[in-house]
Amino acid sequence: MTFVVTAEIRLHALGFEAVELIALARIQRRAARLDRPKTMVKTTLAAVCAVLLPETAA
């Protein structure tokens, strides 16, 4: 468990809140529950980004 936590901290994949939950669980001698929220990832069309860019003469 320590190796996993250390690796995730090094990769900035684990926040302070998660470390706090792990520490509290260890003090209380219970399993830590780290429910990660599900993320939604969408792609952006180039045409949408182009609208935000000012026109430049070539």
N, C-alpha and C. Protein backbone atom coordinates (compact mmCIF):
# COMPACT_ATOMS: atom_id res chain seq x y z
N MET A 1 0.83 -1.19 0.00
CA MET A 1 0.00 0.00 0.00
C MET A 1 0.87 1.25 0.00
N THR A 2 1.92 1.26 0.78
CA THR A 2 2.79 2.43 0.85
C THR A 2 3.43 2.72 -0.49
N PHE A 3 3.85 1.67 -1.20
CA PHE A 3 4.47 1.85 -2.52
C PHE A 3 3.50 2.50 -3.49
N VAL A 4 2.24 2.06 -3.47
CA VAL A 4 1.22 2.60 -4.38
C VAL A 4 0.97 4.07 -4.08
N VAL A 5 0.82 4.40 -2.82
CA VAL A 5 0.57 5.80 -2.44
C VAL A 5 1.75 6.67 -2.83
N THR A 6 2.96 6.20 -2.57
CA THR A 6 4.15 6.97 -2.92
C THR A 6 4.24 7.19 -4.42
N ALA A 7 3.96 6.17 -5.20
CA ALA A 7 4.01 6.28 -6.65
C ALA A 7 2.96 7.27 -7.16
N GLU A 8 1.76 7.21 -6.61
CA GLU A 8 0.70 8.12 -7.07
C GLU A 8 0.99 9.56 -6.67
N ILE A 9 1.57 9.77 -5.51
CA ILE A 9 1.96 11.13 -5.12
C ILE A 9 3.03 11.65 -6.05
N ARG A 10 4.01 10.80 -6.38
CA ARG A 10 5.08 11.21 -7.28
C ARG A 10 4.54 11.59 -8.66
N LEU A 11 3.51 10.90 -9.10
CA LEU A 11 2.91 11.17 -10.42
C LEU A 11 1.83 12.26 -10.35
N HIS A 12 1.63 12.82 -9.17
CA HIS A 12 0.60 13.84 -8.96
C HIS A 12 -0.79 13.32 -9.31
N ALA A 13 -0.99 12.01 -9.13
CA ALA A 13 -2.29 11.40 -9.42
C ALA A 13 -3.13 11.26 -8.16
N LEU A 14 -2.53 11.55 -7.02
CA LEU A 14 -3.22 11.40 -5.75
C LEU A 14 -3.18 12.73 -5.03
N GLY A 15 -4.33 13.26 -4.67
CA GLY A 15 -4.40 14.55 -4.02
C GLY A 15 -4.26 14.46 -2.51
N PHE A 16 -4.16 15.62 -1.88
CA PHE A 16 -4.01 15.68 -0.43
C PHE A 16 -5.18 15.03 0.28
N GLU A 17 -6.39 15.22 -0.24
CA GLU A 17 -7.57 14.64 0.39
C GLU A 17 -7.49 13.12 0.46
N ALA A 18 -6.99 12.51 -0.61
CA ALA A 18 -6.86 11.06 -0.64
C ALA A 18 -5.82 10.58 0.37
N VAL A 19 -4.71 11.32 0.47
CA VAL A 19 -3.68 10.96 1.45
C VAL A 19 -4.25 11.07 2.86
N GLU A 20 -5.05 12.11 3.09
CA GLU A 20 -5.69 12.29 4.40
C GLU A 20 -6.63 11.12 4.72
N LEU A 21 -7.42 10.69 3.73
CA LEU A 21 -8.33 9.57 3.93
C LEU A 21 -7.57 8.28 4.23
N ILE A 22 -6.46 8.07 3.54
CA ILE A 22 -5.65 6.88 3.77
C ILE A 22 -5.06 6.91 5.19
N ALA A 23 -4.57 8.08 5.61
CA ALA A 23 -3.99 8.20 6.95
C ALA A 23 -5.04 7.95 8.02
N LEU A 24 -6.23 8.54 7.87
CA LEU A 24 -7.29 8.34 8.85
C LEU A 24 -7.72 6.88 8.92
N ALA A 25 -7.82 6.25 7.77
CA ALA A 25 -8.21 4.84 7.74
C ALA A 25 -7.17 3.98 8.45
N ARG A 26 -5.92 4.32 8.27
CA ARG A 26 -4.85 3.54 8.92
C ARG A 26 -4.89 3.73 10.44
N ILE A 27 -5.13 4.97 10.87
CA ILE A 27 -5.23 5.24 12.31
C ILE A 27 -6.42 4.48 12.91
N GLN A 28 -7.53 4.46 12.17
CA GLN A 28 -8.74 3.79 12.65
C GLN A 28 -8.72 2.28 12.38
N ARG A 29 -7.62 1.81 11.79
CA ARG A 29 -7.43 0.38 11.49
C ARG A 29 -8.58 -0.20 10.66
N ARG A 30 -8.88 0.49 9.58
CA ARG A 30 -9.91 0.03 8.65
C ARG A 30 -9.39 0.23 7.23
N ALA A 31 -10.08 -0.37 6.29
CA ALA A 31 -9.68 -0.25 4.88
C ALA A 31 -10.05 1.15 4.37
N ALA A 32 -9.15 1.72 3.61
CA ALA A 32 -9.41 3.03 3.02
C ALA A 32 -10.31 2.88 1.81
N ARG A 33 -11.31 3.72 1.72
CA ARG A 33 -12.19 3.72 0.55
C ARG A 33 -11.92 4.97 -0.26
N LEU A 34 -11.30 4.79 -1.40
CA LEU A 34 -11.00 5.92 -2.27
C LEU A 34 -11.86 5.82 -3.52
N ASP A 35 -13.04 6.32 -3.42
CA ASP A 35 -13.95 6.31 -4.57
C ASP A 35 -13.59 7.46 -5.49
N ARG A 36 -13.06 7.11 -6.63
CA ARG A 36 -12.70 8.14 -7.59
C ARG A 36 -13.91 8.49 -8.44
N PRO A 37 -14.15 9.78 -8.63
CA PRO A 37 -15.29 10.17 -9.46
C PRO A 37 -15.04 9.79 -10.92
N LYS A 38 -16.10 9.41 -11.59
CA LYS A 38 -15.98 9.07 -13.00
C LYS A 38 -15.88 10.37 -13.80
N THR A 39 -14.96 10.38 -14.72
CA THR A 39 -14.77 11.57 -15.53
C THR A 39 -15.33 11.35 -16.93
N MET A 40 -15.77 12.44 -17.51
CA MET A 40 -16.26 12.40 -18.88
C MET A 40 -15.28 13.20 -19.74
N VAL A 41 -14.74 12.56 -20.75
CA VAL A 41 -13.79 13.20 -21.63
C VAL A 41 -14.40 13.28 -23.02
N LYS A 42 -14.38 14.47 -23.57
CA LYS A 42 -14.91 14.66 -24.91
C LYS A 42 -13.82 15.29 -25.78
N THR A 43 -13.94 15.10 -27.07
CA THR A 43 -12.99 15.72 -27.99
C THR A 43 -13.58 17.03 -28.52
N THR A 44 -12.71 17.91 -28.94
CA THR A 44 -13.12 19.20 -29.48
C THR A 44 -12.77 19.24 -30.96
N LEU A 45 -13.70 19.67 -31.75
CA LEU A 45 -13.45 19.82 -33.18
C LEU A 45 -12.53 21.00 -33.44
N ALA A 46 -11.68 20.89 -34.43
CA ALA A 46 -10.76 21.97 -34.77
C ALA A 46 -11.52 23.22 -35.16
N ALA A 47 -12.68 23.07 -35.79
CA ALA A 47 -13.46 24.23 -36.22
C ALA A 47 -13.95 25.05 -35.01
N VAL A 48 -14.24 24.38 -33.92
CA VAL A 48 -14.67 25.09 -32.71
C VAL A 48 -13.52 25.91 -32.15
N CYS A 49 -12.33 25.35 -32.14
CA CYS A 49 -11.16 26.08 -31.65
C CYS A 49 -10.79 27.23 -32.57
N ALA A 50 -10.97 27.04 -33.86
CA ALA A 50 -10.62 28.07 -34.84
C ALA A 50 -11.44 29.33 -34.64
N VAL A 51 -12.65 29.20 -34.16
CA VAL A 51 -13.51 30.37 -33.91
C VAL A 51 -12.89 31.26 -32.83
N LEU A 52 -12.19 30.67 -31.90
CA LEU A 52 -11.59 31.43 -30.81
C LEU A 52 -10.30 32.14 -31.19
N LEU A 53 -9.68 31.73 -32.27
CA LEU A 53 -8.42 32.32 -32.71
C LEU A 53 -8.65 33.51 -33.61
N PRO A 54 -7.91 34.60 -33.41
CA PRO A 54 -8.06 35.74 -34.31
C PRO A 54 -7.50 35.40 -35.70
N GLU A 55 -8.12 35.97 -36.68
CA GLU A 55 -7.66 35.69 -38.05
C GLU A 55 -6.34 36.42 -38.29
N THR A 56 -5.42 35.72 -38.92
CA THR A 56 -4.12 36.32 -39.25
C THR A 56 -3.89 36.19 -40.74
N ALA A 57 -3.35 37.25 -41.31
CA ALA A 57 -3.06 37.24 -42.74
C ALA A 57 -1.73 36.53 -42.97
N ALA A 58 -1.70 35.64 -43.90
CA ALA A 58 -0.47 34.90 -44.17
C ALA A 58 0.34 35.56 -45.23
